[in-house]
Structures are given as C-alpha cells and as structure tokens.
Amino acid sequence: MVFAPGEKPGAEQDEVKLQNASKQIVQTAILRAVQQVSQESQQKEKRTNSTSLQLERGKLTKKHEKK
C-alpha cells in the first residue's frame, strides 16, 4: 500500500470505521422510524375500531328505543 505524504497508515482503517458507524446510525434511525410508524398505525386502528364499536352500540341502542 502506498501512502501520500503526511497520510497515516491507519487513516484507511479509520475511514472504514467511520463508514461502518455511519451505516449503523442510519440503520438504527430507519428501524426506529419504521417502528414508530407501525406503532402509530396500530394506535390509529385501535381508535378506529373503538369508534366503530361505539357507533354500532349507539345504533343498537337507538333501534331498541324506537320499539
């Protein structure tokens, strides 16, 4: 391996370490974002299901009141 004047032999290894650390940071950020979106979707679905159930209960109550 040939090094430019002033370049340290370990500089290439440091660059690889930085790249690996950057990849890990990006992967972690993506994983967290996906988990957050998934969690928010599940919460929204629960709210929607709860609202639908409440509406259904309201319809049933109104039907019984009409009789």
C-alpha atoms as a PDB file:
ATOM      1  CA  MET A   1       0.000   0.000   0.000  1.00  0.00           C
ATOM      2  CA  VAL A   2       1.347   3.446  -0.915  1.00  0.00           C
ATOM      3  CA  PHE A   3       0.629   6.425   1.335  1.00  0.00           C
ATOM      4  CA  ALA A   4       0.619  10.075   0.362  1.00  0.00           C
ATOM      5  CA  PRO A   5       2.980  12.344   2.263  1.00  0.00           C
ATOM      6  CA  GLY A   6       1.559  13.023   5.706  1.00  0.00           C
ATOM      7  CA  GLU A   7      -1.068  10.303   5.398  1.00  0.00           C
ATOM      8  CA  LYS A   8      -1.200   7.876   8.271  1.00  0.00           C
ATOM      9  CA  PRO A   9      -1.349   4.128   7.580  1.00  0.00           C
ATOM     10  CA  GLY A  10      -4.334   3.856   9.923  1.00  0.00           C
ATOM     11  CA  ALA A  11      -6.318   6.547   8.101  1.00  0.00           C
ATOM     12  CA  GLU A  12      -7.883   3.989   5.770  1.00  0.00           C
ATOM     13  CA  GLN A  13      -8.958   1.869   8.730  1.00  0.00           C
ATOM     14  CA  ASP A  14     -10.394   4.951  10.411  1.00  0.00           C
ATOM     15  CA  GLU A  15     -12.382   5.709   7.266  1.00  0.00           C
ATOM     16  CA  VAL A  16     -13.795   2.183   7.236  1.00  0.00           C
ATOM     17  CA  LYS A  17     -14.728   2.512  10.916  1.00  0.00           C
ATOM     18  CA  LEU A  18     -16.465   5.817  10.224  1.00  0.00           C
ATOM     19  CA  GLN A  19     -18.376   4.333   7.302  1.00  0.00           C
ATOM     20  CA  ASN A  20     -19.473   1.356   9.391  1.00  0.00           C
ATOM     21  CA  ALA A  21     -20.548   3.626  12.236  1.00  0.00           C
ATOM     22  CA  SER A  22     -22.491   5.801   9.791  1.00  0.00           C
ATOM     23  CA  LYS A  23     -24.232   2.759   8.330  1.00  0.00           C
ATOM     24  CA  GLN A  24     -25.173   1.585  11.821  1.00  0.00           C
ATOM     25  CA  ILE A  25     -26.567   5.017  12.718  1.00  0.00           C
ATOM     26  CA  VAL A  26     -28.654   5.112   9.538  1.00  0.00           C
ATOM     27  CA  GLN A  27     -29.924   1.553  10.036  1.00  0.00           C
ATOM     28  CA  THR A  28     -30.904   2.339  13.627  1.00  0.00           C
ATOM     29  CA  ALA A  29     -32.691   5.536  12.580  1.00  0.00           C
ATOM     30  CA  ILE A  30     -34.611   3.697   9.853  1.00  0.00           C
ATOM     31  CA  LEU A  31     -35.569   0.887  12.236  1.00  0.00           C
ATOM     32  CA  ARG A  32     -36.837   3.369  14.823  1.00  0.00           C
ATOM     33  CA  ALA A  33     -38.825   5.269  12.192  1.00  0.00           C
ATOM     34  CA  VAL A  34     -40.439   2.064  10.922  1.00  0.00           C
ATOM     35  CA  GLN A  35     -41.280   1.005  14.471  1.00  0.00           C
ATOM     36  CA  GLN A  36     -42.799   4.417  15.196  1.00  0.00           C
ATOM     37  CA  VAL A  37     -44.940   4.373  12.051  1.00  0.00           C
ATOM     38  CA  SER A  38     -46.067   0.837  12.852  1.00  0.00           C
ATOM     39  CA  GLN A  39     -46.954   1.789  16.410  1.00  0.00           C
ATOM     40  CA  GLU A  40     -48.862   4.873  15.272  1.00  0.00           C
ATOM     41  CA  SER A  41     -50.776   2.810  12.702  1.00  0.00           C
ATOM     42  CA  GLN A  42     -51.750   0.273  15.346  1.00  0.00           C
ATOM     43  CA  GLN A  43     -52.928   3.028  17.685  1.00  0.00           C
ATOM     44  CA  LYS A  44     -54.955   4.629  14.902  1.00  0.00           C
ATOM     45  CA  GLU A  45     -56.503   1.269  14.037  1.00  0.00           C
ATOM     46  CA  LYS A  46     -57.448   0.723  17.690  1.00  0.00           C
ATOM     47  CA  ARG A  47     -59.083   4.156  17.835  1.00  0.00           C
ATOM     48  CA  THR A  48     -60.950   3.475  14.597  1.00  0.00           C
ATOM     49  CA  ASN A  49     -62.146   0.097  15.843  1.00  0.00           C
ATOM     50  CA  SER A  50     -63.202   1.614  19.147  1.00  0.00           C
ATOM     51  CA  THR A  51     -65.121   4.384  17.383  1.00  0.00           C
ATOM     52  CA  SER A  52     -66.840   1.861  15.089  1.00  0.00           C
ATOM     53  CA  LEU A  53     -67.815  -0.233  18.086  1.00  0.00           C
ATOM     54  CA  GLN A  54     -69.224   2.824  19.845  1.00  0.00           C
ATOM     55  CA  LEU A  55     -71.192   3.753  16.738  1.00  0.00           C
ATOM     56  CA  GLU A  56     -72.571   0.221  16.470  1.00  0.00           C
ATOM     57  CA  ARG A  57     -73.599   0.299  20.118  1.00  0.00           C
ATOM     58  CA  GLY A  58     -75.310   3.622  19.503  1.00  0.00           C
ATOM     59  CA  LYS A  59     -77.247   2.200  16.551  1.00  0.00           C
ATOM     60  CA  LEU A  60     -78.362  -0.782  18.595  1.00  0.00           C
ATOM     61  CA  THR A  61     -79.498   1.472  21.424  1.00  0.00           C
ATOM     62  CA  LYS A  62     -81.452   3.687  19.034  1.00  0.00           C
ATOM     63  CA  LYS A  63     -83.153   0.664  17.442  1.00  0.00           C
ATOM     64  CA  HIS A  64     -84.285  -0.558  20.856  1.00  0.00           C
ATOM     65  CA  GLU A  65     -85.528   2.914  21.799  1.00  0.00           C
ATOM     66  CA  LYS A  66     -87.746   3.074  18.685  1.00  0.00           C
ATOM     67  CA  LYS A  67     -89.696  -0.059  19.671  1.00  0.00           C
END
